[in-house]
């Protein structure tokens, strides 16, 4: 299974208005590295939470059985509604 997660930085509204200032690439890389690390940790945590949830195979199996039962009842001539062959 492949999951694609988007990363939303809520503090982006504060923004970094650099304008005419020099860019300190080392500081910028450090900030990006920190944010990516936090985002990856959050993604790992959410994956662990998703794996801890119980599987829902029973519901799918029950649904398929109910669909099959409905088809069987529809084909039964004794249970067919009046006016339908």
N, C-alpha and C. Protein backbone atom coordinates (compact mmCIF):
# COMPACT_ATOMS: atom_id res chain seq x y z
N UNK A 1 0.84 -1.15 0.00
CA UNK A 1 0.00 0.00 0.00
C UNK A 1 0.90 1.23 0.00
N UNK A 2 0.56 2.18 -0.81
CA UNK A 2 1.32 3.41 -0.91
C UNK A 2 0.48 4.55 -0.37
N UNK A 3 1.05 5.31 0.54
CA UNK A 3 0.35 6.46 1.09
C UNK A 3 1.12 7.71 0.76
N UNK A 4 0.40 8.71 0.34
CA UNK A 4 1.01 10.01 0.07
C UNK A 4 0.47 10.97 1.10
N UNK A 5 1.35 11.55 1.85
CA UNK A 5 0.93 12.47 2.88
C UNK A 5 1.39 13.87 2.52
N UNK A 6 0.51 14.81 2.71
CA UNK A 6 0.90 16.19 2.49
C UNK A 6 1.28 16.78 3.84
N UNK A 7 2.16 17.74 3.79
CA UNK A 7 2.62 18.37 5.01
C UNK A 7 2.12 19.80 5.01
N UNK A 8 1.42 20.14 6.06
CA UNK A 8 0.89 21.48 6.18
C UNK A 8 1.57 22.14 7.36
N UNK A 9 2.14 23.29 7.13
CA UNK A 9 2.81 24.02 8.20
C UNK A 9 1.91 25.17 8.62
N UNK A 10 1.21 25.03 9.76
CA UNK A 10 0.28 26.07 10.18
C UNK A 10 0.96 27.40 10.49
N UNK A 11 2.23 27.36 10.83
CA UNK A 11 2.89 28.61 11.15
C UNK A 11 3.42 29.30 9.90
N UNK A 12 3.04 28.84 8.73
CA UNK A 12 3.48 29.47 7.49
C UNK A 12 2.87 30.86 7.32
N UNK A 13 1.77 31.12 8.03
CA UNK A 13 1.14 32.43 7.93
C UNK A 13 2.06 33.51 8.48
N UNK A 14 2.87 33.14 9.48
CA UNK A 14 3.82 34.12 10.03
C UNK A 14 4.79 34.53 8.94
N UNK A 15 5.16 33.55 8.11
CA UNK A 15 5.96 33.81 6.92
C UNK A 15 7.34 34.34 7.20
N UNK A 16 8.19 34.13 6.26
CA UNK A 16 9.54 34.66 6.31
C UNK A 16 9.68 35.64 5.17
N UNK A 17 9.64 36.89 5.49
CA UNK A 17 9.78 37.91 4.47
C UNK A 17 11.25 38.32 4.43
N UNK A 18 11.98 37.74 3.50
CA UNK A 18 13.42 37.97 3.45
C UNK A 18 13.72 39.29 2.76
N UNK A 19 13.05 39.57 1.69
CA UNK A 19 13.25 40.82 0.99
C UNK A 19 14.67 40.98 0.50
N UNK A 20 15.33 42.09 0.89
CA UNK A 20 16.66 42.39 0.39
C UNK A 20 17.76 41.83 1.29
N UNK A 21 17.41 41.12 2.36
CA UNK A 21 18.43 40.58 3.26
C UNK A 21 19.16 39.42 2.61
N UNK A 22 20.36 39.18 3.07
CA UNK A 22 21.10 38.00 2.61
C UNK A 22 20.49 36.76 3.21
N UNK A 23 20.53 35.68 2.47
CA UNK A 23 19.98 34.42 2.94
C UNK A 23 21.11 33.62 3.56
N UNK A 24 20.92 33.22 4.80
CA UNK A 24 21.87 32.36 5.47
C UNK A 24 21.46 30.93 5.14
N UNK A 25 22.14 30.33 4.17
CA UNK A 25 21.75 29.00 3.69
C UNK A 25 21.86 27.94 4.78
N UNK A 26 22.85 28.06 5.63
CA UNK A 26 23.01 27.09 6.70
C UNK A 26 21.81 27.14 7.65
N UNK A 27 21.41 28.33 8.05
CA UNK A 27 20.26 28.48 8.95
C UNK A 27 18.98 28.01 8.28
N UNK A 28 18.84 28.33 6.99
CA UNK A 28 17.66 27.89 6.25
C UNK A 28 17.60 26.37 6.17
N UNK A 29 18.73 25.73 5.89
CA UNK A 29 18.78 24.26 5.84
C UNK A 29 18.47 23.67 7.20
N UNK A 30 18.95 24.28 8.26
CA UNK A 30 18.68 23.77 9.61
C UNK A 30 17.19 23.85 9.93
N UNK A 31 16.55 24.97 9.57
CA UNK A 31 15.10 25.10 9.81
C UNK A 31 14.32 24.09 9.00
N UNK A 32 14.69 23.90 7.74
CA UNK A 32 13.98 22.95 6.88
C UNK A 32 14.17 21.53 7.42
N UNK A 33 15.41 21.20 7.83
CA UNK A 33 15.69 19.88 8.38
C UNK A 33 14.85 19.61 9.62
N UNK A 34 14.73 20.60 10.49
CA UNK A 34 13.94 20.45 11.71
C UNK A 34 12.46 20.23 11.38
N UNK A 35 11.93 21.01 10.46
CA UNK A 35 10.52 20.85 10.09
C UNK A 35 10.26 19.51 9.43
N UNK A 36 11.15 19.09 8.56
CA UNK A 36 10.98 17.78 7.92
C UNK A 36 11.05 16.66 8.94
N UNK A 37 11.96 16.78 9.89
CA UNK A 37 12.07 15.76 10.93
C UNK A 37 10.78 15.67 11.73
N UNK A 38 10.23 16.82 12.13
CA UNK A 38 8.96 16.81 12.86
C UNK A 38 7.83 16.24 12.02
N UNK A 39 7.77 16.59 10.74
CA UNK A 39 6.71 16.09 9.86
C UNK A 39 6.84 14.58 9.66
N UNK A 40 8.07 14.09 9.53
CA UNK A 40 8.26 12.65 9.36
C UNK A 40 7.90 11.89 10.62
N UNK A 41 8.24 12.45 11.79
CA UNK A 41 7.87 11.81 13.05
C UNK A 41 6.35 11.75 13.20
N UNK A 42 5.68 12.81 12.81
CA UNK A 42 4.21 12.83 12.88
C UNK A 42 3.61 11.80 11.91
N UNK A 43 4.19 11.69 10.72
CA UNK A 43 3.70 10.70 9.75
C UNK A 43 3.91 9.29 10.28
N UNK A 44 5.06 9.03 10.90
CA UNK A 44 5.31 7.70 11.48
C UNK A 44 4.32 7.42 12.60
N UNK A 45 4.05 8.42 13.42
CA UNK A 45 3.10 8.23 14.52
C UNK A 45 1.70 7.92 13.97
N UNK A 46 1.29 8.64 12.95
CA UNK A 46 -0.03 8.39 12.35
C UNK A 46 -0.09 7.01 11.70
N UNK A 47 1.00 6.56 11.11
CA UNK A 47 1.04 5.21 10.53
C UNK A 47 0.89 4.16 11.62
N UNK A 48 1.57 4.37 12.75
CA UNK A 48 1.44 3.40 13.85
C UNK A 48 0.03 3.37 14.39
N UNK A 49 -0.61 4.53 14.48
CA UNK A 49 -2.00 4.58 14.95
C UNK A 49 -2.91 3.84 13.97
N UNK A 50 -2.68 4.03 12.68
CA UNK A 50 -3.51 3.34 11.67
C UNK A 50 -3.30 1.84 11.73
N UNK A 51 -2.08 1.39 11.98
CA UNK A 51 -1.82 -0.05 12.07
C UNK A 51 -2.43 -0.65 13.32
N UNK A 52 -2.60 0.14 14.36
CA UNK A 52 -3.14 -0.37 15.61
C UNK A 52 -4.66 -0.57 15.55
N UNK A 53 -5.29 0.07 14.59
CA UNK A 53 -6.75 -0.09 14.47
C UNK A 53 -7.07 -1.50 13.99
N UNK A 54 -8.19 -2.04 14.46
CA UNK A 54 -8.57 -3.39 14.01
C UNK A 54 -8.94 -3.40 12.53
N UNK A 55 -8.64 -4.49 11.89
CA UNK A 55 -8.99 -4.64 10.48
C UNK A 55 -10.50 -4.77 10.34
N UNK A 56 -11.01 -4.38 9.21
CA UNK A 56 -12.45 -4.41 9.00
C UNK A 56 -12.84 -5.46 7.96
N UNK A 57 -12.14 -6.56 7.98
CA UNK A 57 -12.44 -7.61 7.01
C UNK A 57 -13.79 -8.25 7.27
N UNK A 58 -14.19 -8.34 8.54
CA UNK A 58 -15.46 -8.97 8.87
C UNK A 58 -16.61 -8.23 8.21
N UNK A 59 -16.59 -6.91 8.26
CA UNK A 59 -17.67 -6.13 7.66
C UNK A 59 -17.75 -6.36 6.16
N UNK A 60 -16.61 -6.42 5.51
CA UNK A 60 -16.60 -6.65 4.06
C UNK A 60 -17.15 -8.04 3.75
N UNK A 61 -16.72 -9.03 4.52
CA UNK A 61 -17.19 -10.39 4.29
C UNK A 61 -18.70 -10.49 4.54
N UNK A 62 -19.17 -9.84 5.60
CA UNK A 62 -20.61 -9.85 5.90
C UNK A 62 -21.39 -9.18 4.78
N UNK A 63 -20.89 -8.05 4.27
CA UNK A 63 -21.57 -7.37 3.17
C UNK A 63 -21.68 -8.22 1.93
N UNK A 64 -20.61 -8.93 1.59
CA UNK A 64 -20.65 -9.81 0.42
C UNK A 64 -21.63 -10.95 0.62
N UNK A 65 -21.70 -11.48 1.84
CA UNK A 65 -22.65 -12.57 2.11
C UNK A 65 -24.09 -12.07 2.04
N UNK A 66 -24.34 -10.86 2.51
CA UNK A 66 -25.70 -10.32 2.42
C UNK A 66 -26.10 -10.05 0.98
N UNK A 67 -25.17 -9.61 0.16
CA UNK A 67 -25.46 -9.40 -1.26
C UNK A 67 -25.78 -10.74 -1.93
N UNK A 68 -24.99 -11.76 -1.61
CA UNK A 68 -25.24 -13.09 -2.17
C UNK A 68 -26.59 -13.63 -1.72
N UNK A 69 -26.94 -13.42 -0.46
CA UNK A 69 -28.23 -13.87 0.06
C UNK A 69 -29.38 -13.16 -0.66
N UNK A 70 -29.23 -11.86 -0.90
CA UNK A 70 -30.26 -11.13 -1.63
C UNK A 70 -30.45 -11.66 -3.04
N UNK A 71 -29.35 -11.98 -3.71
CA UNK A 71 -29.46 -12.57 -5.05
C UNK A 71 -30.14 -13.92 -5.03
N UNK A 72 -29.82 -14.73 -4.02
CA UNK A 72 -30.44 -16.05 -3.90
C UNK A 72 -31.94 -15.91 -3.64
N UNK A 73 -32.32 -14.99 -2.76
CA UNK A 73 -33.74 -14.79 -2.47
C UNK A 73 -34.49 -14.25 -3.69
N UNK A 74 -33.84 -13.41 -4.48
CA UNK A 74 -34.48 -12.86 -5.66
C UNK A 74 -34.75 -13.95 -6.71
N UNK A 75 -33.88 -14.94 -6.79
CA UNK A 75 -34.05 -16.01 -7.78
C UNK A 75 -35.04 -17.08 -7.34
N UNK A 76 -35.37 -17.14 -6.07
CA UNK A 76 -36.26 -18.17 -5.57
C UNK A 76 -37.69 -17.91 -6.05
N UNK A 77 -38.30 -18.84 -6.79
CA UNK A 77 -39.64 -18.57 -7.34
C UNK A 77 -40.72 -18.45 -6.26
N UNK A 78 -40.55 -19.09 -5.13
CA UNK A 78 -41.56 -19.00 -4.07
C UNK A 78 -41.53 -17.64 -3.37
N UNK A 79 -40.39 -16.98 -3.40
CA UNK A 79 -40.27 -15.69 -2.70
C UNK A 79 -40.39 -14.50 -3.65
N UNK A 80 -40.53 -14.75 -4.95
CA UNK A 80 -40.63 -13.64 -5.91
C UNK A 80 -41.94 -12.90 -5.67
N UNK A 81 -41.91 -11.58 -5.75
CA UNK A 81 -43.15 -10.79 -5.56
C UNK A 81 -44.18 -11.13 -6.63
N UNK A 82 -45.45 -10.94 -6.29
CA UNK A 82 -46.54 -11.23 -7.22
C UNK A 82 -46.40 -10.32 -8.45
N UNK A 83 -46.64 -10.90 -9.62
CA UNK A 83 -46.56 -10.15 -10.85
C UNK A 83 -45.18 -10.22 -11.50
N UNK A 84 -44.22 -10.76 -10.80
CA UNK A 84 -42.87 -10.92 -11.36
C UNK A 84 -42.62 -12.40 -11.61
N UNK A 85 -42.11 -12.74 -12.78
CA UNK A 85 -41.86 -14.17 -13.05
C UNK A 85 -40.69 -14.70 -12.26
